[in-house]
C-alpha atoms as a PDB file:
ATOM      1  CA  UNK A   1     -16.780 -81.615 -80.360  1.00  0.00           C
ATOM      2  CA  UNK A   2     -18.858 -82.060 -83.428  1.00  0.00           C
ATOM      3  CA  UNK A   3     -17.831 -79.986 -87.176  1.00  0.00           C
ATOM      4  CA  UNK A   4     -20.235 -77.152 -87.499  1.00  0.00           C
ATOM      5  CA  UNK A   5     -20.639 -74.432 -89.559  1.00  0.00           C
ATOM      6  CA  UNK A   6     -21.440 -71.438 -88.796  1.00  0.00           C
ATOM      7  CA  UNK A   7     -20.338 -69.502 -91.540  1.00  0.00           C
ATOM      8  CA  UNK A   8     -22.078 -69.691 -94.891  1.00  0.00           C
ATOM      9  CA  UNK A   9     -19.423 -67.566 -96.611  1.00  0.00           C
ATOM     10  CA  UNK A  10     -18.119 -69.803 -99.507  1.00  0.00           C
ATOM     11  CA  UNK A  11     -15.955 -69.357-102.616  1.00  0.00           C
ATOM     12  CA  UNK A  12     -15.432 -70.185-106.705  1.00  0.00           C
ATOM     13  CA  UNK A  13     -11.866 -71.517-107.065  1.00  0.00           C
ATOM     14  CA  UNK A  14     -11.693 -71.397-110.791  1.00  0.00           C
ATOM     15  CA  UNK A  15      -8.085 -73.099-111.353  1.00  0.00           C
ATOM     16  CA  UNK A  16      -9.349 -75.787-109.045  1.00  0.00           C
ATOM     17  CA  UNK A  17     -12.965 -75.614-110.572  1.00  0.00           C
ATOM     18  CA  UNK A  18     -14.241 -76.196-107.107  1.00  0.00           C
ATOM     19  CA  UNK A  19     -16.557 -73.756-104.239  1.00  0.00           C
ATOM     20  CA  UNK A  20     -14.292 -73.638-101.429  1.00  0.00           C
ATOM     21  CA  UNK A  21     -15.969 -73.458 -97.829  1.00  0.00           C
ATOM     22  CA  UNK A  22     -14.997 -74.109 -93.809  1.00  0.00           C
ATOM     23  CA  UNK A  23     -16.045 -75.655 -91.134  1.00  0.00           C
ATOM     24  CA  UNK A  24     -14.823 -75.722 -87.633  1.00  0.00           C
ATOM     25  CA  UNK A  25     -14.391 -78.778 -84.706  1.00  0.00           C
ATOM     26  CA  UNK A  26     -14.384 -76.310 -81.597  1.00  0.00           C
ATOM     27  CA  UNK A  27     -11.403 -73.979 -81.945  1.00  0.00           C
ATOM     28  CA  UNK A  28     -10.384 -75.591 -85.236  1.00  0.00           C
ATOM     29  CA  UNK A  29     -10.827 -74.976 -88.716  1.00  0.00           C
ATOM     30  CA  UNK A  30     -11.539 -77.551 -91.256  1.00  0.00           C
ATOM     31  CA  UNK A  31     -11.646 -76.584 -94.700  1.00  0.00           C
ATOM     32  CA  UNK A  32     -13.401 -78.295 -97.752  1.00  0.00           C
ATOM     33  CA  UNK A  33     -13.331 -77.944-101.029  1.00  0.00           C
ATOM     34  CA  UNK A  34     -16.108 -79.803-103.875  1.00  0.00           C
ATOM     35  CA  UNK A  35     -15.466 -80.190-107.091  1.00  0.00           C
ATOM     36  CA  UNK A  36     -17.449 -78.046-109.634  1.00  0.00           C
ATOM     37  CA  UNK A  37     -18.346 -81.391-111.026  1.00  0.00           C
ATOM     38  CA  UNK A  38     -20.217 -82.629-108.435  1.00  0.00           C
ATOM     39  CA  UNK A  39     -22.624 -79.318-107.989  1.00  0.00           C
ATOM     40  CA  UNK A  40     -23.622 -79.698-111.775  1.00  0.00           C
ATOM     41  CA  UNK A  41     -25.579 -82.690-113.396  1.00  0.00           C
ATOM     42  CA  UNK A  42     -23.656 -82.482-116.526  1.00  0.00           C
ATOM     43  CA  UNK A  43     -20.840 -80.660-117.405  1.00  0.00           C
ATOM     44  CA  UNK A  44     -21.017 -77.808-119.435  1.00  0.00           C
ATOM     45  CA  UNK A  45     -18.099 -75.048-119.703  1.00  0.00           C
ATOM     46  CA  UNK A  46     -20.702 -72.518-120.371  1.00  0.00           C
ATOM     47  CA  UNK A  47     -21.314 -72.514-116.258  1.00  0.00           C
ATOM     48  CA  UNK A  48     -19.240 -69.625-114.148  1.00  0.00           C
ATOM     49  CA  UNK A  49     -18.909 -68.637-110.992  1.00  0.00           C
ATOM     50  CA  UNK A  50     -22.310 -67.909-109.515  1.00  0.00           C
ATOM     51  CA  UNK A  51     -24.043 -71.018-111.315  1.00  0.00           C
ATOM     52  CA  UNK A  52     -21.196 -73.108-108.983  1.00  0.00           C
ATOM     53  CA  UNK A  53     -22.228 -71.237-106.256  1.00  0.00           C
ATOM     54  CA  UNK A  54     -25.647 -70.720-106.622  1.00  0.00           C
ATOM     55  CA  UNK A  55     -25.792 -74.981-107.072  1.00  0.00           C
ATOM     56  CA  UNK A  56     -23.724 -74.822-104.079  1.00  0.00           C
ATOM     57  CA  UNK A  57     -26.109 -72.416-101.640  1.00  0.00           C
ATOM     58  CA  UNK A  58     -28.884 -74.982-103.155  1.00  0.00           C
ATOM     59  CA  UNK A  59     -27.054 -78.345-102.387  1.00  0.00           C
ATOM     60  CA  UNK A  60     -25.614 -76.772 -98.852  1.00  0.00           C
ATOM     61  CA  UNK A  61     -27.787 -79.373 -96.379  1.00  0.00           C
ATOM     62  CA  UNK A  62     -26.400 -82.243 -98.565  1.00  0.00           C
ATOM     63  CA  UNK A  63     -22.751 -80.437 -98.499  1.00  0.00           C
ATOM     64  CA  UNK A  64     -23.060 -80.148 -95.424  1.00  0.00           C
ATOM     65  CA  UNK A  65     -23.803 -83.533 -94.622  1.00  0.00           C
ATOM     66  CA  UNK A  66     -20.940 -84.870 -96.738  1.00  0.00           C
ATOM     67  CA  UNK A  67     -18.419 -83.172 -94.960  1.00  0.00           C
ATOM     68  CA  UNK A  68     -19.633 -84.491 -91.521  1.00  0.00           C
ATOM     69  CA  UNK A  69     -19.309 -87.766 -93.309  1.00  0.00           C
ATOM     70  CA  UNK A  70     -15.719 -87.820 -94.803  1.00  0.00           C
ATOM     71  CA  UNK A  71     -14.449 -85.669 -91.558  1.00  0.00           C
ATOM     72  CA  UNK A  72     -16.114 -88.569 -88.777  1.00  0.00           C
ATOM     73  CA  UNK A  73     -14.012 -91.372 -90.549  1.00  0.00           C
ATOM     74  CA  UNK A  74     -10.636 -89.617 -90.810  1.00  0.00           C
ATOM     75  CA  UNK A  75      -9.729 -86.197 -88.641  1.00  0.00           C
ATOM     76  CA  UNK A  76      -8.110 -84.052 -90.683  1.00  0.00           C
ATOM     77  CA  UNK A  77      -7.682 -80.624 -91.902  1.00  0.00           C
ATOM     78  CA  UNK A  78      -8.655 -80.629 -95.347  1.00  0.00           C
ATOM     79  CA  UNK A  79     -10.788 -82.875 -97.885  1.00  0.00           C
ATOM     80  CA  UNK A  80     -11.602 -82.221-101.480  1.00  0.00           C
ATOM     81  CA  UNK A  81     -15.337 -83.693-101.823  1.00  0.00           C
ATOM     82  CA  UNK A  82     -16.806 -85.742-105.344  1.00  0.00           C
ATOM     83  CA  UNK A  83     -19.922 -86.377-106.869  1.00  0.00           C
ATOM     84  CA  UNK A  84     -19.775 -89.900-104.920  1.00  0.00           C
ATOM     85  CA  UNK A  85     -19.294 -88.063-101.861  1.00  0.00           C
ATOM     86  CA  UNK A  86     -23.194 -86.281-102.200  1.00  0.00           C
ATOM     87  CA  UNK A  87     -24.472 -89.897-102.954  1.00  0.00           C
END
């Protein structure tokens, strides 16, 4: 099977300063975090949760492509994506 993203939900994790989302490989859930710094072109402490979630939504296609790419390299159940993964 291949990694799919049938559930469009995402949430902001303030403690880890990242957005959480998940994909599925058949019946197996694969958890992802993408660092907040990867979502914004410049770091700014004035950004709030809604800013990160909106950025995630704008970049969703590229983020999911990056998630598929890292998953194909090494199939695990959890990943943290960085700005380098989006390039």
